Amino acid sequence: MRSKTILFSIFLMLCFGIWSCSKDDSSDKNPIGSNGGCDTFVTEYEGVTDAAAIFSQNPTTENCEAYKAAYLNFFEAYSDCDYWVDGDYQSEIDAINDMDCSDL
């Protein structure tokens, strides 16, 4: 149960952080219509939401590991975006890596 709470909290923080960013924050280095290097960002985000839904409905060790992997893949894709700032989400990444799915 503790793992679910931690994962859900991380998910909420991540959503808040992404949605609170202004589109004006992206620099002029991207031409109009450019995705700013975020080619897989949306796909990986959908992977996180899908994994979260599966894990919340069936909290098994396997689903927990899939959820963690989806989050880490998302952060990897997000780090390719122009508006990524190194260190912004390191505490969340560390929390995901430190989660123990074996206690489910």
PDB file of N, CA and C in Angstrom:
ATOM      1  N   MET A   1       0.826  -1.189   0.000  1.00  0.00           N
ATOM      2  CA  MET A   1       0.000   0.000   0.000  1.00  0.00           C
ATOM      3  C   MET A   1       0.871   1.254   0.000  1.00  0.00           C
ATOM      4  N   ARG A   2       1.969   1.213   0.727  1.00  0.00           N
ATOM      5  CA  ARG A   2       2.869   2.356   0.787  1.00  0.00           C
ATOM      6  C   ARG A   2       3.449   2.650  -0.596  1.00  0.00           C
ATOM      7  N   SER A   3       3.773   1.605  -1.337  1.00  0.00           N
ATOM      8  CA  SER A   3       4.326   1.786  -2.680  1.00  0.00           C
ATOM      9  C   SER A   3       3.323   2.461  -3.595  1.00  0.00           C
ATOM     10  N   LYS A   4       2.056   2.075  -3.493  1.00  0.00           N
ATOM     11  CA  LYS A   4       1.024   2.691  -4.319  1.00  0.00           C
ATOM     12  C   LYS A   4       0.902   4.173  -3.990  1.00  0.00           C
ATOM     13  N   THR A   5       0.961   4.503  -2.721  1.00  0.00           N
ATOM     14  CA  THR A   5       0.843   5.894  -2.305  1.00  0.00           C
ATOM     15  C   THR A   5       2.016   6.714  -2.824  1.00  0.00           C
ATOM     16  N   ILE A   6       3.206   6.171  -2.742  1.00  0.00           N
ATOM     17  CA  ILE A   6       4.391   6.871  -3.223  1.00  0.00           C
ATOM     18  C   ILE A   6       4.312   7.069  -4.732  1.00  0.00           C
ATOM     19  N   LEU A   7       3.970   6.015  -5.459  1.00  0.00           N
ATOM     20  CA  LEU A   7       3.864   6.129  -6.912  1.00  0.00           C
ATOM     21  C   LEU A   7       2.792   7.124  -7.315  1.00  0.00           C
ATOM     22  N   PHE A   8       1.668   7.099  -6.649  1.00  0.00           N
ATOM     23  CA  PHE A   8       0.596   8.034  -6.965  1.00  0.00           C
ATOM     24  C   PHE A   8       1.030   9.464  -6.668  1.00  0.00           C
ATOM     25  N   SER A   9       1.742   9.674  -5.576  1.00  0.00           N
ATOM     26  CA  SER A   9       2.236  11.008  -5.231  1.00  0.00           C
ATOM     27  C   SER A   9       3.217  11.520  -6.272  1.00  0.00           C
ATOM     28  N   ILE A  10       4.097  10.654  -6.722  1.00  0.00           N
ATOM     29  CA  ILE A  10       5.057  11.034  -7.754  1.00  0.00           C
ATOM     30  C   ILE A  10       4.320  11.397  -9.029  1.00  0.00           C
ATOM     31  N   PHE A  11       3.324  10.608  -9.377  1.00  0.00           N
ATOM     32  CA  PHE A  11       2.531  10.863 -10.573  1.00  0.00           C
ATOM     33  C   PHE A  11       1.862  12.233 -10.491  1.00  0.00           C
ATOM     34  N   LEU A  12       1.283  12.564  -9.341  1.00  0.00           N
ATOM     35  CA  LEU A  12       0.626  13.861  -9.183  1.00  0.00           C
ATOM     36  C   LEU A  12       1.622  15.009  -9.268  1.00  0.00           C
ATOM     37  N   MET A  13       2.793  14.858  -8.641  1.00  0.00           N
ATOM     38  CA  MET A  13       3.810  15.904  -8.706  1.00  0.00           C
ATOM     39  C   MET A  13       4.272  16.120 -10.144  1.00  0.00           C
ATOM     40  N   LEU A  14       4.456  15.029 -10.841  1.00  0.00           N
ATOM     41  CA  LEU A  14       4.885  15.118 -12.230  1.00  0.00           C
ATOM     42  C   LEU A  14       3.839  15.823 -13.087  1.00  0.00           C
ATOM     43  N   CYS A  15       2.591  15.442 -12.915  1.00  0.00           N
ATOM     44  CA  CYS A  15       1.514  16.091 -13.680  1.00  0.00           C
ATOM     45  C   CYS A  15       1.455  17.582 -13.376  1.00  0.00           C
ATOM     46  N   PHE A  16       1.541  17.925 -12.114  1.00  0.00           N
ATOM     47  CA  PHE A  16       1.501  19.333 -11.730  1.00  0.00           C
ATOM     48  C   PHE A  16       2.675  20.090 -12.339  1.00  0.00           C
ATOM     49  N   GLY A  17       3.848  19.501 -12.281  1.00  0.00           N
ATOM     50  CA  GLY A  17       5.035  20.149 -12.825  1.00  0.00           C
ATOM     51  C   GLY A  17       4.956  20.375 -14.316  1.00  0.00           C
ATOM     52  N   ILE A  18       4.415  19.423 -15.021  1.00  0.00           N
ATOM     53  CA  ILE A  18       4.315  19.550 -16.474  1.00  0.00           C
ATOM     54  C   ILE A  18       3.249  20.564 -16.853  1.00  0.00           C
ATOM     55  N   TRP A  19       2.100  20.479 -16.229  1.00  0.00           N
ATOM     56  CA  TRP A  19       0.998  21.358 -16.595  1.00  0.00           C
ATOM     57  C   TRP A  19       1.189  22.790 -16.102  1.00  0.00           C
ATOM     58  N   SER A  20       2.045  22.995 -15.141  1.00  0.00           N
ATOM     59  CA  SER A  20       2.248  24.352 -14.637  1.00  0.00           C
ATOM     60  C   SER A  20       3.250  25.136 -15.485  1.00  0.00           C
ATOM     61  N   CYS A  21       3.921  24.451 -16.398  1.00  0.00           N
ATOM     62  CA  CYS A  21       4.876  25.137 -17.271  1.00  0.00           C
ATOM     63  C   CYS A  21       4.139  25.927 -18.341  1.00  0.00           C
ATOM     64  N   SER A  22       4.642  27.100 -18.594  1.00  0.00           N
ATOM     65  CA  SER A  22       4.068  27.946 -19.638  1.00  0.00           C
ATOM     66  C   SER A  22       4.724  27.631 -20.968  1.00  0.00           C
ATOM     67  N   LYS A  23       3.949  27.653 -22.029  1.00  0.00           N
ATOM     68  CA  LYS A  23       4.524  27.416 -23.350  1.00  0.00           C
ATOM     69  C   LYS A  23       5.484  28.535 -23.729  1.00  0.00           C
ATOM     70  N   ASP A  24       5.347  29.694 -23.096  1.00  0.00           N
ATOM     71  CA  ASP A  24       6.251  30.809 -23.379  1.00  0.00           C
ATOM     72  C   ASP A  24       7.652  30.550 -22.854  1.00  0.00           C
ATOM     73  N   ASP A  25       7.808  29.566 -21.990  1.00  0.00           N
ATOM     74  CA  ASP A  25       9.105  29.261 -21.416  1.00  0.00           C
ATOM     75  C   ASP A  25      10.054  28.633 -22.429  1.00  0.00           C
ATOM     76  N   SER A  26       9.511  28.065 -23.495  1.00  0.00           N
ATOM     77  CA  SER A  26      10.397  27.472 -24.489  1.00  0.00           C
ATOM     78  C   SER A  26      11.067  28.597 -25.271  1.00  0.00           C
ATOM     79  N   SER A  27      12.310  28.393 -25.582  1.00  0.00           N
ATOM     80  CA  SER A  27      13.083  29.454 -26.217  1.00  0.00           C
ATOM     81  C   SER A  27      12.808  29.526 -27.708  1.00  0.00           C
ATOM     82  N   ASP A  28      13.413  30.514 -28.353  1.00  0.00           N
ATOM     83  CA  ASP A  28      13.265  30.698 -29.791  1.00  0.00           C
ATOM     84  C   ASP A  28      14.114  29.726 -30.581  1.00  0.00           C
ATOM     85  N   LYS A  29      14.809  28.811 -29.920  1.00  0.00           N
ATOM     86  CA  LYS A  29      15.673  27.894 -30.650  1.00  0.00           C
ATOM     87  C   LYS A  29      14.886  26.847 -31.428  1.00  0.00           C
ATOM     88  N   ASN A  30      13.580  26.753 -31.200  1.00  0.00           N
ATOM     89  CA  ASN A  30      12.744  25.815 -31.928  1.00  0.00           C
ATOM     90  C   ASN A  30      11.877  26.563 -32.930  1.00  0.00           C
ATOM     91  N   PRO A  31      11.872  26.125 -34.164  1.00  0.00           N
ATOM     92  CA  PRO A  31      11.008  26.787 -35.137  1.00  0.00           C
ATOM     93  C   PRO A  31       9.541  26.532 -34.806  1.00  0.00           C
ATOM     94  N   ILE A  32       8.673  27.384 -35.343  1.00  0.00           N
ATOM     95  CA  ILE A  32       7.239  27.221 -35.121  1.00  0.00           C
ATOM     96  C   ILE A  32       6.823  25.840 -35.595  1.00  0.00           C
ATOM     97  N   GLY A  33       6.039  25.161 -34.771  1.00  0.00           N
ATOM     98  CA  GLY A  33       5.586  23.820 -35.097  1.00  0.00           C
ATOM     99  C   GLY A  33       6.532  22.729 -34.644  1.00  0.00           C
ATOM    100  N   SER A  34       7.692  23.103 -34.123  1.00  0.00           N
ATOM    101  CA  SER A  34       8.657  22.119 -33.650  1.00  0.00           C
ATOM    102  C   SER A  34       8.197  21.557 -32.318  1.00  0.00           C
ATOM    103  N   ASN A  35       8.574  20.326 -32.052  1.00  0.00           N
ATOM    104  CA  ASN A  35       8.216  19.724 -30.770  1.00  0.00           C
ATOM    105  C   ASN A  35       9.332  19.855 -29.752  1.00  0.00           C
ATOM    106  N   GLY A  36      10.365  20.604 -30.046  1.00  0.00           N
ATOM    107  CA  GLY A  36      11.425  20.884 -29.080  1.00  0.00           C
ATOM    108  C   GLY A  36      12.211  19.670 -28.645  1.00  0.00           C
ATOM    109  N   GLY A  37      12.328  18.677 -29.499  1.00  0.00           N
ATOM    110  CA  GLY A  37      13.070  17.474 -29.135  1.00  0.00           C
ATOM    111  C   GLY A  37      12.263  16.475 -28.343  1.00  0.00           C
ATOM    112  N   CYS A  38      10.976  16.692 -28.241  1.00  0.00           N
ATOM    113  CA  CYS A  38      10.109  15.840 -27.422  1.00  0.00           C
ATOM    114  C   CYS A  38       9.383  14.798 -28.277  1.00  0.00           C
ATOM    115  N   ASP A  39      10.108  14.100 -29.113  1.00  0.00           N
ATOM    116  CA  ASP A  39       9.508  13.176 -30.066  1.00  0.00           C
ATOM    117  C   ASP A  39       8.672  12.076 -29.406  1.00  0.00           C
ATOM    118  N   THR A  40       9.144  11.524 -28.308  1.00  0.00           N
ATOM    119  CA  THR A  40       8.436  10.404 -27.676  1.00  0.00           C
ATOM    120  C   THR A  40       7.769  10.790 -26.361  1.00  0.00           C
ATOM    121  N   PHE A  41       7.762  12.051 -26.043  1.00  0.00           N
ATOM    122  CA  PHE A  41       7.226  12.524 -24.767  1.00  0.00           C
ATOM    123  C   PHE A  41       5.775  12.071 -24.552  1.00  0.00           C
ATOM    124  N   VAL A  42       4.914  12.319 -25.516  1.00  0.00           N
ATOM    125  CA  VAL A  42       3.489  11.994 -25.368  1.00  0.00           C
ATOM    126  C   VAL A  42       3.294  10.486 -25.274  1.00  0.00           C
ATOM    127  N   THR A  43       3.992   9.749 -26.105  1.00  0.00           N
ATOM    128  CA  THR A  43       3.874   8.287 -26.081  1.00  0.00           C
ATOM    129  C   THR A  43       4.291   7.734 -24.726  1.00  0.00           C
ATOM    130  N   GLU A  44       5.399   8.222 -24.204  1.00  0.00           N
ATOM    131  CA  GLU A  44       5.880   7.735 -22.901  1.00  0.00           C
ATOM    132  C   GLU A  44       4.945   8.163 -21.771  1.00  0.00           C
ATOM    133  N   TYR A  45       4.369   9.356 -21.874  1.00  0.00           N
ATOM    134  CA  TYR A  45       3.413   9.805 -20.863  1.00  0.00           C
ATOM    135  C   TYR A  45       2.178   8.915 -20.870  1.00  0.00           C
ATOM    136  N   GLU A  46       1.713   8.557 -22.051  1.00  0.00           N
ATOM    137  CA  GLU A  46       0.577   7.637 -22.148  1.00  0.00           C
ATOM    138  C   GLU A  46       0.935   6.282 -21.548  1.00  0.00           C
ATOM    139  N   GLY A  47       2.180   5.868 -21.711  1.00  0.00           N
ATOM    140  CA  GLY A  47       2.640   4.625 -21.101  1.00  0.00           C
ATOM    141  C   GLY A  47       2.563   4.669 -19.584  1.00  0.00           C
ATOM    142  N   VAL A  48       2.891   5.824 -19.008  1.00  0.00           N
ATOM    143  CA  VAL A  48       2.803   5.989 -17.551  1.00  0.00           C
ATOM    144  C   VAL A  48       1.357   5.916 -17.095  1.00  0.00           C
ATOM    145  N   THR A  49       0.471   6.604 -17.784  1.00  0.00           N
ATOM    146  CA  THR A  49      -0.939   6.591 -17.368  1.00  0.00           C
ATOM    147  C   THR A  49      -1.548   5.207 -17.523  1.00  0.00           C
ATOM    148  N   ASP A  50      -1.181   4.505 -18.584  1.00  0.00           N
ATOM    149  CA  ASP A  50      -1.679   3.132 -18.769  1.00  0.00           C
ATOM    150  C   ASP A  50      -1.155   2.214 -17.661  1.00  0.00           C
ATOM    151  N   ALA A  51       0.139   2.315 -17.375  1.00  0.00           N
ATOM    152  CA  ALA A  51       0.743   1.486 -16.328  1.00  0.00           C
ATOM    153  C   ALA A  51       0.157   1.820 -14.961  1.00  0.00           C
ATOM    154  N   ALA A  52      -0.135   3.102 -14.724  1.00  0.00           N
ATOM    155  CA  ALA A  52      -0.739   3.505 -13.446  1.00  0.00           C
ATOM    156  C   ALA A  52      -2.122   2.890 -13.291  1.00  0.00           C
ATOM    157  N   ALA A  53      -2.896   2.892 -14.358  1.00  0.00           N
ATOM    158  CA  ALA A  53      -4.236   2.316 -14.304  1.00  0.00           C
ATOM    159  C   ALA A  53      -4.173   0.811 -14.031  1.00  0.00           C
ATOM    160  N   ILE A  54      -3.276   0.132 -14.723  1.00  0.00           N
ATOM    161  CA  ILE A  54      -3.131  -1.313 -14.527  1.00  0.00           C
ATOM    162  C   ILE A  54      -2.671  -1.621 -13.109  1.00  0.00           C
ATOM    163  N   PHE A  55      -1.678  -0.876 -12.636  1.00  0.00           N
ATOM    164  CA  PHE A  55      -1.151  -1.113 -11.291  1.00  0.00           C
ATOM    165  C   PHE A  55      -2.192  -0.817 -10.213  1.00  0.00           C
ATOM    166  N   SER A  56      -2.977   0.230 -10.395  1.00  0.00           N
ATOM    167  CA  SER A  56      -3.979   0.566  -9.378  1.00  0.00           C
ATOM    168  C   SER A  56      -5.090  -0.470  -9.321  1.00  0.00           C
ATOM    169  N   GLN A  57      -5.381  -1.113 -10.453  1.00  0.00           N
ATOM    170  CA  GLN A  57      -6.417  -2.142 -10.483  1.00  0.00           C
ATOM    171  C   GLN A  57      -5.893  -3.505 -10.034  1.00  0.00           C
ATOM    172  N   ASN A  58      -4.591  -3.732 -10.223  1.00  0.00           N
ATOM    173  CA  ASN A  58      -4.005  -5.023  -9.895  1.00  0.00           C
ATOM    174  C   ASN A  58      -2.577  -4.808  -9.383  1.00  0.00           C
ATOM    175  N   PRO A  59      -2.436  -4.457  -8.088  1.00  0.00           N
ATOM    176  CA  PRO A  59      -1.117  -4.122  -7.532  1.00  0.00           C
ATOM    177  C   PRO A  59      -0.235  -5.345  -7.273  1.00  0.00           C
ATOM    178  N   THR A  60       0.346  -5.866  -8.346  1.00  0.00           N
ATOM    179  CA  THR A  60       1.264  -6.998  -8.233  1.00  0.00           C
ATOM    180  C   THR A  60       2.697  -6.505  -8.406  1.00  0.00           C
ATOM    181  N   THR A  61       3.642  -7.361  -8.056  1.00  0.00           N
ATOM    182  CA  THR A  61       5.054  -7.024  -8.226  1.00  0.00           C
ATOM    183  C   THR A  61       5.362  -6.740  -9.694  1.00  0.00           C
ATOM    184  N   GLU A  62       4.826  -7.567 -10.580  1.00  0.00           N
ATOM    185  CA  GLU A  62       5.067  -7.381 -12.013  1.00  0.00           C
ATOM    186  C   GLU A  62       4.514  -6.040 -12.503  1.00  0.00           C
ATOM    187  N   ASN A  63       3.312  -5.688 -12.073  1.00  0.00           N
ATOM    188  CA  ASN A  63       2.714  -4.416 -12.490  1.00  0.00           C
ATOM    189  C   ASN A  63       3.436  -3.222 -11.872  1.00  0.00           C
ATOM    190  N   CYS A  64       3.942  -3.394 -10.674  1.00  0.00           N
ATOM    191  CA  CYS A  64       4.726  -2.342 -10.027  1.00  0.00           C
ATOM    192  C   CYS A  64       6.011  -2.091 -10.821  1.00  0.00           C
ATOM    193  N   GLU A  65       6.691  -3.166 -11.205  1.00  0.00           N
ATOM    194  CA  GLU A  65       7.921  -3.028 -11.985  1.00  0.00           C
ATOM    195  C   GLU A  65       7.630  -2.384 -13.347  1.00  0.00           C
ATOM    196  N   ALA A  66       6.498  -2.743 -13.958  1.00  0.00           N
ATOM    197  CA  ALA A  66       6.122  -2.142 -15.241  1.00  0.00           C
ATOM    198  C   ALA A  66       5.834  -0.653 -15.070  1.00  0.00           C
ATOM    199  N   TYR A  67       5.203  -0.300 -13.950  1.00  0.00           N
ATOM    200  CA  TYR A  67       4.896   1.100 -13.648  1.00  0.00           C
ATOM    201  C   TYR A  67       6.180   1.899 -13.453  1.00  0.00           C
ATOM    202  N   LYS A  68       7.117   1.328 -12.694  1.00  0.00           N
ATOM    203  CA  LYS A  68       8.410   1.990 -12.494  1.00  0.00           C
ATOM    204  C   LYS A  68       9.129   2.179 -13.821  1.00  0.00           C
ATOM    205  N   ALA A  69       9.134   1.140 -14.652  1.00  0.00           N
ATOM    206  CA  ALA A  69       9.807   1.218 -15.950  1.00  0.00           C
ATOM    207  C   ALA A  69       9.161   2.280 -16.831  1.00  0.00           C
ATOM    208  N   ALA A  70       7.841   2.364 -16.802  1.00  0.00           N
ATOM    209  CA  ALA A  70       7.136   3.376 -17.600  1.00  0.00           C
ATOM    210  C   ALA A  70       7.534   4.776 -17.144  1.00  0.00           C
ATOM    211  N   TYR A  71       7.617   4.977 -15.826  1.00  0.00           N
ATOM    212  CA  TYR A  71       8.044   6.284 -15.305  1.00  0.00           C
ATOM    213  C   TYR A  71       9.459   6.627 -15.740  1.00  0.00           C
ATOM    214  N   LEU A  72      10.359   5.680 -15.612  1.00  0.00           N
ATOM    215  CA  LEU A  72      11.748   5.942 -15.983  1.00  0.00           C
ATOM    216  C   LEU A  72      11.877   6.202 -17.481  1.00  0.00           C
ATOM    217  N   ASN A  73      11.108   5.480 -18.299  1.00  0.00           N
ATOM    218  CA  ASN A  73      11.093   5.737 -19.744  1.00  0.00           C
ATOM    219  C   ASN A  73      10.563   7.136 -20.026  1.00  0.00           C
ATOM    220  N   PHE A  74       9.543   7.536 -19.274  1.00  0.00           N
ATOM    221  CA  PHE A  74       8.978   8.874 -19.439  1.00  0.00           C
ATOM    222  C   PHE A  74      10.025   9.945 -19.123  1.00  0.00           C
ATOM    223  N   PHE A  75      10.703   9.798 -17.998  1.00  0.00           N
ATOM    224  CA  PHE A  75      11.719  10.782 -17.630  1.00  0.00           C
ATOM    225  C   PHE A  75      12.844  10.811 -18.659  1.00  0.00           C
ATOM    226  N   GLU A  76      13.181   9.663 -19.210  1.00  0.00           N
ATOM    227  CA  GLU A  76      14.209   9.617 -20.253  1.00  0.00           C
ATOM    228  C   GLU A  76      13.754  10.402 -21.485  1.00  0.00           C
ATOM    229  N   ALA A  77      12.501  10.217 -21.884  1.00  0.00           N
ATOM    230  CA  ALA A  77      11.961  10.965 -23.027  1.00  0.00           C
ATOM    231  C   ALA A  77      11.863  12.450 -22.697  1.00  0.00           C
ATOM    232  N   TYR A  78      11.439  12.759 -21.475  1.00  0.00           N
ATOM    233  CA  TYR A  78      11.291  14.150 -21.050  1.00  0.00           C
ATOM    234  C   TYR A  78      12.638  14.860 -21.026  1.00  0.00           C
ATOM    235  N   SER A  79      13.683  14.137 -20.685  1.00  0.00           N
ATOM    236  CA  SER A  79      15.008  14.769 -20.616  1.00  0.00           C
ATOM    237  C   SER A  79      15.513  15.188 -21.995  1.00  0.00           C
ATOM    238  N   ASP A  80      14.926  14.653 -23.055  1.00  0.00           N
ATOM    239  CA  ASP A  80      15.291  15.057 -24.413  1.00  0.00           C
ATOM    240  C   ASP A  80      14.622  16.353 -24.837  1.00  0.00           C
ATOM    241  N   CYS A  81      13.629  16.794 -24.087  1.00  0.00           N
ATOM    242  CA  CYS A  81      12.900  18.018 -24.431  1.00  0.00           C
ATOM    243  C   CYS A  81      13.752  19.247 -24.124  1.00  0.00           C
ATOM    244  N   ASP A  82      13.565  20.281 -24.921  1.00  0.00           N
ATOM    245  CA  ASP A  82      14.342  21.506 -24.739  1.00  0.00           C
ATOM    246  C   ASP A  82      14.082  22.184 -23.402  1.00  0.00           C
ATOM    247  N   TYR A  83      12.895  22.010 -22.838  1.00  0.00           N
ATOM    248  CA  TYR A  83      12.579  22.695 -21.584  1.00  0.00           C
ATOM    249  C   TYR A  83      12.933  21.880 -20.357  1.00  0.00           C
ATOM    250  N   TRP A  84      13.582  20.742 -20.528  1.00  0.00           N
ATOM    251  CA  TRP A  84      14.091  19.945 -19.409  1.00  0.00           C
ATOM    252  C   TRP A  84      15.259  20.679 -18.783  1.00  0.00           C
ATOM    253  N   VAL A  85      15.278  20.745 -17.475  1.00  0.00           N
ATOM    254  CA  VAL A  85      16.398  21.333 -16.742  1.00  0.00           C
ATOM    255  C   VAL A  85      16.989  20.231 -15.878  1.00  0.00           C
ATOM    256  N   ASP A  86      18.263  19.935 -16.087  1.00  0.00           N
ATOM    257  CA  ASP A  86      18.912  18.875 -15.321  1.00  0.00           C
ATOM    258  C   ASP A  86      18.713  19.093 -13.835  1.00  0.00           C
ATOM    259  N   GLY A  87      18.338  18.034 -13.147  1.00  0.00           N
ATOM    260  CA  GLY A  87      18.163  18.078 -11.706  1.00  0.00           C
ATOM    261  C   GLY A  87      16.757  18.408 -11.252  1.00  0.00           C
ATOM    262  N   ASP A  88      15.898  18.884 -12.156  1.00  0.00           N
ATOM    263  CA  ASP A  88      14.538  19.260 -11.767  1.00  0.00           C
ATOM    264  C   ASP A  88      13.766  18.113 -11.123  1.00  0.00           C
ATOM    265  N   TYR A  89      13.911  16.931 -11.656  1.00  0.00           N
ATOM    266  CA  TYR A  89      13.105  15.811 -11.197  1.00  0.00           C
ATOM    267  C   TYR A  89      13.945  14.687 -10.605  1.00  0.00           C
ATOM    268  N   GLN A  90      15.161  15.005 -10.214  1.00  0.00           N
ATOM    269  CA  GLN A  90      16.044  13.963  -9.706  1.00  0.00           C
ATOM    270  C   GLN A  90      15.483  13.291  -8.456  1.00  0.00           C
ATOM    271  N   SER A  91      14.840  14.032  -7.582  1.00  0.00           N
ATOM    272  CA  SER A  91      14.286  13.408  -6.368  1.00  0.00           C
ATOM    273  C   SER A  91      13.177  12.425  -6.721  1.00  0.00           C
ATOM    274  N   GLU A  92      12.374  12.742  -7.750  1.00  0.00           N
ATOM    275  CA  GLU A  92      11.328  11.824  -8.181  1.00  0.00           C
ATOM    276  C   GLU A  92      11.933  10.572  -8.811  1.00  0.00           C
ATOM    277  N   ILE A  93      12.956  10.768  -9.619  1.00  0.00           N
ATOM    278  CA  ILE A  93      13.633   9.632 -10.259  1.00  0.00           C
ATOM    279  C   ILE A  93      14.262   8.737  -9.188  1.00  0.00           C
ATOM    280  N   ASP A  94      14.895   9.342  -8.193  1.00  0.00           N
ATOM    281  CA  ASP A  94      15.485   8.570  -7.101  1.00  0.00           C
ATOM    282  C   ASP A  94      14.416   7.799  -6.332  1.00  0.00           C
ATOM    283  N   ALA A  95      13.270   8.432  -6.088  1.00  0.00           N
ATOM    284  CA  ALA A  95      12.182   7.762  -5.361  1.00  0.00           C
ATOM    285  C   ALA A  95      11.663   6.573  -6.155  1.00  0.00           C
ATOM    286  N   ILE A  96      11.548   6.726  -7.451  1.00  0.00           N
ATOM    287  CA  ILE A  96      11.100   5.607  -8.286  1.00  0.00           C
ATOM    288  C   ILE A  96      12.121   4.469  -8.246  1.00  0.00           C
ATOM    289  N   ASN A  97      13.387   4.820  -8.393  1.00  0.00           N
ATOM    290  CA  ASN A  97      14.430   3.789  -8.356  1.00  0.00           C
ATOM    291  C   ASN A  97      14.504   3.082  -7.006  1.00  0.00           C
ATOM    292  N   ASP A  98      14.188   3.780  -5.936  1.00  0.00           N
ATOM    293  CA  ASP A  98      14.279   3.217  -4.582  1.00  0.00           C
ATOM    294  C   ASP A  98      13.053   2.403  -4.178  1.00  0.00           C
ATOM    295  N   MET A  99      11.999   2.474  -4.978  1.00  0.00           N
ATOM    296  CA  MET A  99      10.791   1.728  -4.631  1.00  0.00           C
ATOM    297  C   MET A  99      11.038   0.234  -4.654  1.00  0.00           C
ATOM    298  N   ASP A 100      10.507  -0.448  -3.659  1.00  0.00           N
ATOM    299  CA  ASP A 100      10.643  -1.898  -3.561  1.00  0.00           C
ATOM    300  C   ASP A 100       9.314  -2.534  -3.936  1.00  0.00           C
ATOM    301  N   CYS A 101       9.275  -3.123  -5.096  1.00  0.00           N
ATOM    302  CA  CYS A 101       8.043  -3.762  -5.557  1.00  0.00           C
ATOM    303  C   CYS A 101       7.871  -5.163  -5.010  1.00  0.00           C
ATOM    304  N   SER A 102       8.873  -5.670  -4.322  1.00  0.00           N
ATOM    305  CA  SER A 102       8.799  -7.036  -3.823  1.00  0.00           C
ATOM    306  C   SER A 102       7.879  -7.191  -2.623  1.00  0.00           C
ATOM    307  N   ASP A 103       7.451  -6.075  -2.001  1.00  0.00           N
ATOM    308  CA  ASP A 103       6.595  -6.175  -0.817  1.00  0.00           C
ATOM    309  C   ASP A 103       5.112  -6.222  -1.156  1.00  0.00           C
ATOM    310  N   LEU A 104       4.775  -6.428  -2.414  1.00  0.00           N
ATOM    311  CA  LEU A 104       3.365  -6.487  -2.817  1.00  0.00           C
ATOM    312  C   LEU A 104       2.828  -7.888  -2.760  1.00  0.00           C
TER     313      LEU A 104
END
